[in-house]
C-alpha atoms as a PDB file:
ATOM      1  CA  MET A   1      43.188  94.675   2.214  1.00  0.00           C
ATOM      2  CA  ALA A   2      42.432  93.109  -1.182  1.00  0.00           C
ATOM      3  CA  GLU A   3      44.742  90.205  -0.393  1.00  0.00           C
ATOM      4  CA  PHE A   4      42.899  89.538   2.871  1.00  0.00           C
ATOM      5  CA  ALA A   5      39.527  89.502   1.034  1.00  0.00           C
ATOM      6  CA  ILE A   6      40.871  87.019  -1.537  1.00  0.00           C
ATOM      7  CA  GLU A   7      42.169  84.745   1.214  1.00  0.00           C
ATOM      8  CA  ARG A   8      38.759  84.774   2.970  1.00  0.00           C
ATOM      9  CA  TRP A   9      37.073  83.979  -0.330  1.00  0.00           C
ATOM     10  CA  ARG A  10      39.352  80.953  -0.901  1.00  0.00           C
ATOM     11  CA  LEU A  11      38.573  79.716   2.595  1.00  0.00           C
ATOM     12  CA  PHE A  12      34.870  80.128   1.857  1.00  0.00           C
ATOM     13  CA  VAL A  13      35.166  77.966  -1.313  1.00  0.00           C
ATOM     14  CA  VAL A  14      37.014  75.207   0.571  1.00  0.00           C
ATOM     15  CA  ALA A  15      34.339  75.276   3.276  1.00  0.00           C
ATOM     16  CA  LEU A  16      31.570  74.877   0.687  1.00  0.00           C
ATOM     17  CA  ALA A  17      33.365  71.873  -0.848  1.00  0.00           C
ATOM     18  CA  THR A  18      33.688  70.298   2.560  1.00  0.00           C
ATOM     19  CA  ILE A  19      29.993  70.856   3.342  1.00  0.00           C
ATOM     20  CA  ALA A  20      29.089  69.177   0.010  1.00  0.00           C
ATOM     21  CA  ALA A  21      31.043  66.064   1.042  1.00  0.00           C
ATOM     22  CA  LEU A  22      29.442  65.797   4.502  1.00  0.00           C
ATOM     23  CA  PRO A  23      26.408  63.644   3.330  1.00  0.00           C
ATOM     24  CA  LEU A  24      28.855  61.110   1.927  1.00  0.00           C
ATOM     25  CA  PHE A  25      30.590  60.995   5.308  1.00  0.00           C
ATOM     26  CA  VAL A  26      27.246  60.198   6.982  1.00  0.00           C
ATOM     27  CA  MET A  27      26.210  57.520   4.416  1.00  0.00           C
ATOM     28  CA  GLU A  28      29.608  55.831   4.304  1.00  0.00           C
ATOM     29  CA  ASN A  29      29.767  52.368   5.924  1.00  0.00           C
ATOM     30  CA  PRO A  30      32.705  52.561   8.329  1.00  0.00           C
ATOM     31  CA  SER A  31      33.438  48.838   7.972  1.00  0.00           C
ATOM     32  CA  SER A  32      33.553  48.848   4.157  1.00  0.00           C
ATOM     33  CA  THR A  33      36.787  48.802   2.177  1.00  0.00           C
ATOM     34  CA  GLY A  34      37.908  52.325   1.307  1.00  0.00           C
ATOM     35  CA  SER A  35      35.520  54.041   3.724  1.00  0.00           C
ATOM     36  CA  LEU A  36      36.349  57.589   4.735  1.00  0.00           C
ATOM     37  CA  ILE A  37      36.571  56.734   8.418  1.00  0.00           C
ATOM     38  CA  GLY A  38      38.810  53.768   7.675  1.00  0.00           C
ATOM     39  CA  VAL A  39      40.965  55.520   5.099  1.00  0.00           C
ATOM     40  CA  ALA A  40      40.959  59.125   6.157  1.00  0.00           C
ATOM     41  CA  ASP A  41      40.786  58.426   9.925  1.00  0.00           C
ATOM     42  CA  ALA A  42      37.491  60.278  10.369  1.00  0.00           C
ATOM     43  CA  SER A  43      36.902  58.497  13.691  1.00  0.00           C
ATOM     44  CA  ARG A  44      39.432  60.858  15.284  1.00  0.00           C
ATOM     45  CA  PRO A  45      37.793  64.122  16.399  1.00  0.00           C
ATOM     46  CA  LEU A  46      39.204  67.285  15.025  1.00  0.00           C
ATOM     47  CA  ASP A  47      41.549  69.137  17.277  1.00  0.00           C
ATOM     48  CA  ASN A  48      40.057  72.437  18.377  1.00  0.00           C
ATOM     49  CA  ALA A  49      37.031  71.877  16.099  1.00  0.00           C
ATOM     50  CA  PRO A  50      34.804  74.919  16.188  1.00  0.00           C
ATOM     51  CA  VAL A  51      31.196  74.662  17.307  1.00  0.00           C
ATOM     52  CA  VAL A  52      29.090  75.573  14.305  1.00  0.00           C
ATOM     53  CA  ASP A  53      25.854  77.341  14.860  1.00  0.00           C
ATOM     54  CA  SER A  54      23.196  76.964  12.147  1.00  0.00           C
ATOM     55  CA  THR A  55      22.755  80.725  12.191  1.00  0.00           C
ATOM     56  CA  SER A  56      26.425  81.472  11.960  1.00  0.00           C
ATOM     57  CA  ASP A  57      28.149  82.583   8.825  1.00  0.00           C
ATOM     58  CA  TRP A  58      30.900  80.227   7.562  1.00  0.00           C
ATOM     59  CA  THR A  59      32.819  83.257   6.515  1.00  0.00           C
ATOM     60  CA  THR A  60      33.427  83.986  10.182  1.00  0.00           C
ATOM     61  CA  LEU A  61      35.506  80.816  10.636  1.00  0.00           C
ATOM     62  CA  THR A  62      38.941  81.914  11.627  1.00  0.00           C
ATOM     63  CA  SER A  63      40.672  78.493  12.000  1.00  0.00           C
ATOM     64  CA  THR A  64      42.373  77.796   8.654  1.00  0.00           C
ATOM     65  CA  ALA A  65      43.836  74.520  10.067  1.00  0.00           C
ATOM     66  CA  ASP A  66      40.344  73.095  10.702  1.00  0.00           C
ATOM     67  CA  ILE A  67      39.168  73.800   7.166  1.00  0.00           C
ATOM     68  CA  VAL A  68      42.363  72.396   5.657  1.00  0.00           C
ATOM     69  CA  ASN A  69      41.968  69.266   7.818  1.00  0.00           C
ATOM     70  CA  LEU A  70      38.437  68.722   6.499  1.00  0.00           C
ATOM     71  CA  ALA A  71      39.609  69.287   2.947  1.00  0.00           C
ATOM     72  CA  ASP A  72      42.427  66.756   3.391  1.00  0.00           C
ATOM     73  CA  ARG A  73      39.951  64.180   4.698  1.00  0.00           C
ATOM     74  CA  ALA A  74      37.616  64.807   1.761  1.00  0.00           C
ATOM     75  CA  GLU A  75      40.494  64.367  -0.654  1.00  0.00           C
ATOM     76  CA  ALA A  76      41.534  61.147   1.081  1.00  0.00           C
ATOM     77  CA  TRP A  77      37.973  59.856   0.779  1.00  0.00           C
ATOM     78  CA  HIS A  78      37.904  60.594  -2.958  1.00  0.00           C
ATOM     79  CA  VAL A  79      41.298  58.940  -3.436  1.00  0.00           C
ATOM     80  CA  ALA A  80      40.113  55.826  -1.600  1.00  0.00           C
ATOM     81  CA  HIS A  81      36.996  55.573  -3.768  1.00  0.00           C
ATOM     82  CA  SER A  82      38.933  56.231  -6.942  1.00  0.00           C
ATOM     83  CA  ASN A  83      41.014  53.138  -6.093  1.00  0.00           C
ATOM     84  CA  LEU A  84      37.940  50.899  -5.822  1.00  0.00           C
ATOM     85  CA  PRO A  85      37.824  50.051  -9.580  1.00  0.00           C
ATOM     86  CA  THR A  86      41.437  48.955  -9.410  1.00  0.00           C
ATOM     87  CA  VAL A  87      40.729  46.817  -6.351  1.00  0.00           C
ATOM     88  CA  LYS A  88      37.735  45.268  -8.110  1.00  0.00           C
ATOM     89  CA  ARG A  89      39.776  44.557 -11.245  1.00  0.00           C
ATOM     90  CA  LEU A  90      42.466  42.876  -9.165  1.00  0.00           C
ATOM     91  CA  ALA A  91      39.854  40.787  -7.343  1.00  0.00           C
ATOM     92  CA  GLU A  92      38.270  39.736 -10.652  1.00  0.00           C
ATOM     93  CA  ALA A  93      41.686  38.842 -12.083  1.00  0.00           C
ATOM     94  CA  ALA A  94      42.429  36.774  -8.997  1.00  0.00           C
ATOM     95  CA  ARG A  95      39.098  34.969  -9.382  1.00  0.00           C
ATOM     96  CA  ILE A  96      39.777  34.215 -13.058  1.00  0.00           C
ATOM     97  CA  HIS A  97      43.296  32.970 -12.306  1.00  0.00           C
ATOM     98  CA  GLU A  98      41.941  30.747  -9.534  1.00  0.00           C
ATOM     99  CA  ALA A  99      39.354  29.267 -11.904  1.00  0.00           C
ATOM    100  CA  GLU A 100      42.049  28.661 -14.536  1.00  0.00           C
ATOM    101  CA  ALA A 101      44.255  26.995 -11.932  1.00  0.00           C
ATOM    102  CA  ILE A 102      41.381  24.701 -10.922  1.00  0.00           C
ATOM    103  CA  VAL A 103      40.736  23.749 -14.559  1.00  0.00           C
ATOM    104  CA  MET A 104      44.442  23.093 -15.128  1.00  0.00           C
ATOM    105  CA  ALA A 105      44.655  20.975 -11.989  1.00  0.00           C
ATOM    106  CA  ARG A 106      41.645  18.951 -13.134  1.00  0.00           C
ATOM    107  CA  GLU A 107      43.243  18.398 -16.553  1.00  0.00           C
ATOM    108  CA  ILE A 108      46.457  17.248 -14.918  1.00  0.00           C
ATOM    109  CA  VAL A 109      44.549  14.790 -12.720  1.00  0.00           C
ATOM    110  CA  LEU A 110      42.643  13.419 -15.723  1.00  0.00           C
ATOM    111  CA  ALA A 111      45.865  13.064 -17.720  1.00  0.00           C
ATOM    112  CA  GLU A 112      47.565  11.240 -14.865  1.00  0.00           C
ATOM    113  CA  PHE A 113      44.520   8.968 -14.489  1.00  0.00           C
ATOM    114  CA  ALA A 114      44.555   8.180 -18.228  1.00  0.00           C
ATOM    115  CA  GLU A 115      48.283   7.410 -18.084  1.00  0.00           C
ATOM    116  CA  ARG A 116      47.716   5.122 -15.100  1.00  0.00           C
ATOM    117  CA  GLU A 117      44.908   3.306 -16.933  1.00  0.00           C
ATOM    118  CA  ALA A 118      47.077   2.918 -20.027  1.00  0.00           C
ATOM    119  CA  LEU A 119      49.932   1.556 -17.920  1.00  0.00           C
ATOM    120  CA  GLU A 120      47.605  -0.901 -16.191  1.00  0.00           C
ATOM    121  CA  ALA A 121      46.283  -2.032 -19.589  1.00  0.00           C
ATOM    122  CA  VAL A 122      49.831  -2.619 -20.845  1.00  0.00           C
ATOM    123  CA  LEU A 123      50.722  -4.576 -17.713  1.00  0.00           C
ATOM    124  CA  ALA A 124      47.550  -6.655 -17.998  1.00  0.00           C
ATOM    125  CA  ALA A 125      48.346  -7.433 -21.648  1.00  0.00           C
ATOM    126  CA  LYS A 126      51.881  -8.451 -20.706  1.00  0.00           C
ATOM    127  CA  ARG A 127      50.570 -10.711 -17.938  1.00  0.00           C
ATOM    128  CA  LYS A 128      48.101 -12.285 -20.359  1.00  0.00           C
ATOM    129  CA  GLU A 129      50.826 -12.866 -22.935  1.00  0.00           C
ATOM    130  CA  ALA A 130      53.094 -14.331 -20.268  1.00  0.00           C
ATOM    131  CA  ASN A 131      50.318 -16.735 -19.263  1.00  0.00           C
ATOM    132  CA  ARG A 132      49.796 -17.757 -22.892  1.00  0.00           C
ATOM    133  CA  GLU A 133      53.505 -18.330 -23.356  1.00  0.00           C
ATOM    134  CA  ALA A 134      53.650 -20.405 -20.180  1.00  0.00           C
ATOM    135  CA  GLU A 135      50.753 -22.527 -21.501  1.00  0.00           C
ATOM    136  CA  ARG A 136      52.523 -23.002 -24.833  1.00  0.00           C
ATOM    137  CA  VAL A 137      55.702 -24.105 -23.114  1.00  0.00           C
ATOM    138  CA  ARG A 138      53.765 -26.514 -20.910  1.00  0.00           C
ATOM    139  CA  LEU A 139      51.923 -28.102 -23.843  1.00  0.00           C
ATOM    140  CA  ARG A 140      55.081 -28.481 -25.907  1.00  0.00           C
ATOM    141  CA  ALA A 141      56.905 -30.049 -22.980  1.00  0.00           C
ATOM    142  CA  GLU A 142      53.990 -32.432 -22.511  1.00  0.00           C
ATOM    143  CA  GLU A 143      54.119 -33.416 -26.183  1.00  0.00           C
ATOM    144  CA  ASP A 144      57.862 -33.927 -26.043  1.00  0.00           C
ATOM    145  CA  ASP A 145      57.399 -36.214 -23.022  1.00  0.00           C
ATOM    146  CA  ARG A 146      54.633 -38.122 -24.837  1.00  0.00           C
ATOM    147  CA  ARG A 147      56.844 -38.670 -27.857  1.00  0.00           C
ATOM    148  CA  ALA A 148      59.725 -39.833 -25.718  1.00  0.00           C
ATOM    149  CA  THR A 149      57.405 -42.281 -23.942  1.00  0.00           C
ATOM    150  CA  ALA A 150      55.954 -43.529 -27.252  1.00  0.00           C
ATOM    151  CA  ILE A 151      59.424 -44.195 -28.596  1.00  0.00           C
ATOM    152  CA  SER A 152      60.516 -46.128 -25.532  1.00  0.00           C
ATOM    153  CA  THR A 153      57.187 -47.964 -25.079  1.00  0.00           C
ATOM    154  CA  PRO A 154      55.615 -49.121 -28.362  1.00  0.00           C
ATOM    155  CA  GLY A 155      51.812 -49.502 -28.226  1.00  0.00           C
ATOM    156  CA  PRO A 156      48.552 -48.542 -29.919  1.00  0.00           C
ATOM    157  CA  THR A 157      48.472 -45.002 -31.269  1.00  0.00           C
ATOM    158  CA  THR A 158      44.703 -44.520 -31.355  1.00  0.00           C
ATOM    159  CA  THR A 159      43.668 -43.243 -27.945  1.00  0.00           C
ATOM    160  CA  ILE A 160      40.639 -41.000 -28.694  1.00  0.00           C
ATOM    161  CA  PRO A 161      37.316 -42.193 -30.210  1.00  0.00           C
ATOM    162  CA  TRP A 162      36.682 -40.803 -33.681  1.00  0.00           C
ATOM    163  CA  ASP A 163      33.183 -39.498 -32.871  1.00  0.00           C
ATOM    164  CA  THR A 164      33.901 -37.221 -29.891  1.00  0.00           C
ATOM    165  CA  LYS A 165      31.665 -34.231 -29.310  1.00  0.00           C
ATOM    166  CA  PRO A 166      33.199 -30.757 -29.885  1.00  0.00           C
ATOM    167  CA  ALA A 167      33.430 -28.498 -26.849  1.00  0.00           C
ATOM    168  CA  ASP A 168      31.497 -25.236 -26.650  1.00  0.00           C
ATOM    169  CA  GLY A 169      33.698 -22.372 -27.730  1.00  0.00           C
ATOM    170  CA  GLY A 170      36.213 -24.685 -29.350  1.00  0.00           C
ATOM    171  CA  PRO A 171      39.963 -24.935 -28.694  1.00  0.00           C
ATOM    172  CA  SER A 172      42.057 -21.955 -27.689  1.00  0.00           C
ATOM    173  CA  ALA A 173      44.877 -20.648 -29.864  1.00  0.00           C
ATOM    174  CA  ALA A 174      47.411 -22.333 -27.574  1.00  0.00           C
ATOM    175  CA  GLN A 175      45.591 -25.675 -27.873  1.00  0.00           C
ATOM    176  CA  TRP A 176      45.508 -25.473 -31.667  1.00  0.00           C
ATOM    177  CA  GLU A 177      49.209 -24.655 -31.632  1.00  0.00           C
ATOM    178  CA  ALA A 178      49.872 -27.676 -29.436  1.00  0.00           C
ATOM    179  CA  LEU A 179      47.933 -29.849 -31.893  1.00  0.00           C
ATOM    180  CA  ARG A 180      49.961 -28.539 -34.854  1.00  0.00           C
ATOM    181  CA  TYR A 181      53.170 -29.093 -32.938  1.00  0.00           C
ATOM    182  CA  CYS A 182      52.107 -32.636 -32.143  1.00  0.00           C
ATOM    183  CA  GLU A 183      51.024 -33.453 -35.676  1.00  0.00           C
ATOM    184  CA  ALA A 184      53.724 -31.694 -37.721  1.00  0.00           C
ATOM    185  CA  THR A 185      55.951 -29.687 -35.346  1.00  0.00           C
ATOM    186  CA  GLY A 186      53.942 -26.643 -36.463  1.00  0.00           C
ATOM    187  CA  ASP A 187      55.017 -26.926 -40.126  1.00  0.00           C
ATOM    188  CA  TYR A 188      52.153 -26.077 -42.500  1.00  0.00           C
ATOM    189  CA  THR A 189      54.007 -27.728 -45.395  1.00  0.00           C
ATOM    190  CA  ALA A 190      54.745 -30.977 -43.537  1.00  0.00           C
ATOM    191  CA  VAL A 191      54.150 -34.323 -45.275  1.00  0.00           C
ATOM    192  CA  ASN A 192      54.385 -37.610 -43.375  1.00  0.00           C
ATOM    193  CA  PRO A 193      56.801 -40.317 -44.656  1.00  0.00           C
ATOM    194  CA  THR A 194      54.045 -42.180 -46.508  1.00  0.00           C
ATOM    195  CA  GLY A 195      52.824 -39.010 -48.198  1.00  0.00           C
ATOM    196  CA  ARG A 196      49.246 -39.718 -47.115  1.00  0.00           C
ATOM    197  CA  TYR A 197      48.881 -37.079 -44.404  1.00  0.00           C
ATOM    198  CA  ARG A 198      49.704 -33.531 -45.286  1.00  0.00           C
ATOM    199  CA  GLY A 199      49.930 -30.040 -43.823  1.00  0.00           C
ATOM    200  CA  ALA A 200      50.029 -28.746 -40.260  1.00  0.00           C
ATOM    201  CA  TYR A 201      46.927 -30.776 -39.303  1.00  0.00           C
ATOM    202  CA  GLN A 202      47.938 -33.882 -41.265  1.00  0.00           C
ATOM    203  CA  PHE A 203      44.820 -34.093 -43.418  1.00  0.00           C
ATOM    204  CA  SER A 204      44.400 -36.995 -45.800  1.00  0.00           C
ATOM    205  CA  THR A 205      43.305 -35.787 -49.229  1.00  0.00           C
ATOM    206  CA  THR A 206      40.045 -37.743 -48.811  1.00  0.00           C
ATOM    207  CA  THR A 207      39.147 -36.006 -45.534  1.00  0.00           C
ATOM    208  CA  TRP A 208      40.282 -32.649 -46.897  1.00  0.00           C
ATOM    209  CA  ASP A 209      38.052 -32.823 -49.972  1.00  0.00           C
ATOM    210  CA  TRP A 210      35.120 -34.063 -47.863  1.00  0.00           C
ATOM    211  CA  ILE A 211      35.299 -31.104 -45.452  1.00  0.00           C
ATOM    212  CA  ALA A 212      36.027 -28.676 -48.315  1.00  0.00           C
ATOM    213  CA  GLY A 213      32.946 -29.918 -50.185  1.00  0.00           C
ATOM    214  CA  LEU A 214      30.810 -29.248 -47.090  1.00  0.00           C
ATOM    215  CA  TYR A 215      32.154 -25.860 -46.016  1.00  0.00           C
ATOM    216  CA  HIS A 216      34.913 -24.538 -48.324  1.00  0.00           C
ATOM    217  CA  GLU A 217      34.233 -25.516 -51.936  1.00  0.00           C
ATOM    218  CA  HIS A 218      37.061 -23.409 -53.318  1.00  0.00           C
ATOM    219  CA  LEU A 219      39.515 -25.683 -51.502  1.00  0.00           C
ATOM    220  CA  VAL A 220      38.317 -28.923 -53.079  1.00  0.00           C
ATOM    221  CA  GLY A 221      41.245 -30.605 -54.850  1.00  0.00           C
ATOM    222  CA  VAL A 222      43.841 -28.364 -53.205  1.00  0.00           C
ATOM    223  CA  ASP A 223      46.872 -30.103 -51.689  1.00  0.00           C
ATOM    224  CA  PRO A 224      46.550 -29.608 -47.892  1.00  0.00           C
ATOM    225  CA  ALA A 225      50.314 -29.058 -47.581  1.00  0.00           C
ATOM    226  CA  ALA A 226      50.179 -26.360 -50.270  1.00  0.00           C
ATOM    227  CA  ALA A 227      47.152 -24.538 -48.896  1.00  0.00           C
ATOM    228  CA  ALA A 228      47.560 -21.216 -47.122  1.00  0.00           C
ATOM    229  CA  PRO A 229      47.910 -21.454 -43.311  1.00  0.00           C
ATOM    230  CA  ALA A 230      44.644 -19.568 -42.861  1.00  0.00           C
ATOM    231  CA  ASP A 231      42.835 -22.065 -45.102  1.00  0.00           C
ATOM    232  CA  GLN A 232      44.321 -25.002 -43.195  1.00  0.00           C
ATOM    233  CA  ASP A 233      43.210 -23.410 -39.911  1.00  0.00           C
ATOM    234  CA  ALA A 234      39.675 -22.932 -41.256  1.00  0.00           C
ATOM    235  CA  MET A 235      39.502 -26.534 -42.475  1.00  0.00           C
ATOM    236  CA  ALA A 236      40.745 -27.891 -39.137  1.00  0.00           C
ATOM    237  CA  ASN A 237      38.203 -25.784 -37.263  1.00  0.00           C
ATOM    238  CA  SER A 238      35.374 -27.050 -39.504  1.00  0.00           C
ATOM    239  CA  LEU A 239      36.468 -30.660 -38.989  1.00  0.00           C
ATOM    240  CA  TYR A 240      36.576 -30.166 -35.232  1.00  0.00           C
ATOM    241  CA  ASN A 241      33.117 -28.569 -35.131  1.00  0.00           C
ATOM    242  CA  LEU A 242      31.753 -31.511 -37.098  1.00  0.00           C
ATOM    243  CA  ARG A 243      33.430 -34.481 -35.370  1.00  0.00           C
ATOM    244  CA  GLY A 244      35.385 -33.147 -32.383  1.00  0.00           C
ATOM    245  CA  ARG A 245      38.961 -33.926 -31.405  1.00  0.00           C
ATOM    246  CA  GLY A 246      38.663 -37.636 -32.269  1.00  0.00           C
ATOM    247  CA  GLN A 247      39.690 -36.837 -35.849  1.00  0.00           C
ATOM    248  CA  TRP A 248      43.210 -36.552 -34.464  1.00  0.00           C
ATOM    249  CA  PRO A 249      43.388 -39.830 -32.547  1.00  0.00           C
ATOM    250  CA  VAL A 250      46.646 -39.095 -30.722  1.00  0.00           C
ATOM    251  CA  CYS A 251      47.303 -35.364 -30.892  1.00  0.00           C
ATOM    252  CA  GLY A 252      43.638 -34.562 -30.287  1.00  0.00           C
ATOM    253  CA  ARG A 253      44.448 -34.943 -26.612  1.00  0.00           C
ATOM    254  CA  TYR A 254      45.448 -31.291 -26.631  1.00  0.00           C
ATOM    255  CA  LEU A 255      41.979 -30.178 -27.703  1.00  0.00           C
ATOM    256  CA  PRO A 256      38.989 -29.878 -25.363  1.00  0.00           C
END
């Protein structure tokens, strides 16, 4: 008899727990993740569910299977909701990983773009250098042809007026190189057979000291053939800016 009373008391406690969970069943959104109906299959009616009268005493319930079924559903509901934090953490981790992947992809694209720009810059520089080299070769070939013609056909050597006007921007590096090649085969220490014209630009000492006195006083009295290449270049540039290419009557043809 005592055992039967204890069993009824246990059933009564389970029933009270189930009644306490009923408001959550009503408020639960069936379409939400982890809902009781979706997880615990609450949409299926209970088999042989008893009709409960508001005036009835729950202690009179005799179907243990019905009470156990409700308890199982309540437990399933609690399990589903206890998993929600884990689901949220996984979703947040997925969002963070997606953001990191987007940032990494953007960095890769920027790196590839920078590499492409660098490659294009290198190719452009190589094309520019190739063009300069082609111009140098052309000017040297032209000078070689001129010399060959001068040797086979003697004539006047002065072909450019001495007072020509300098061009805006001045000669290019390739044009200056062609002039030096024409005057002294590019040798900064060259001296002509008479000893009068000296250096890569074949300055006479009189012209050298005149230009040095105007623009480069520290070079006055210096032997043009002994001067540093940079000083000879500066002197030639000053002479050109003052009188133009006519100061080199023959080789000035390579200057603008």
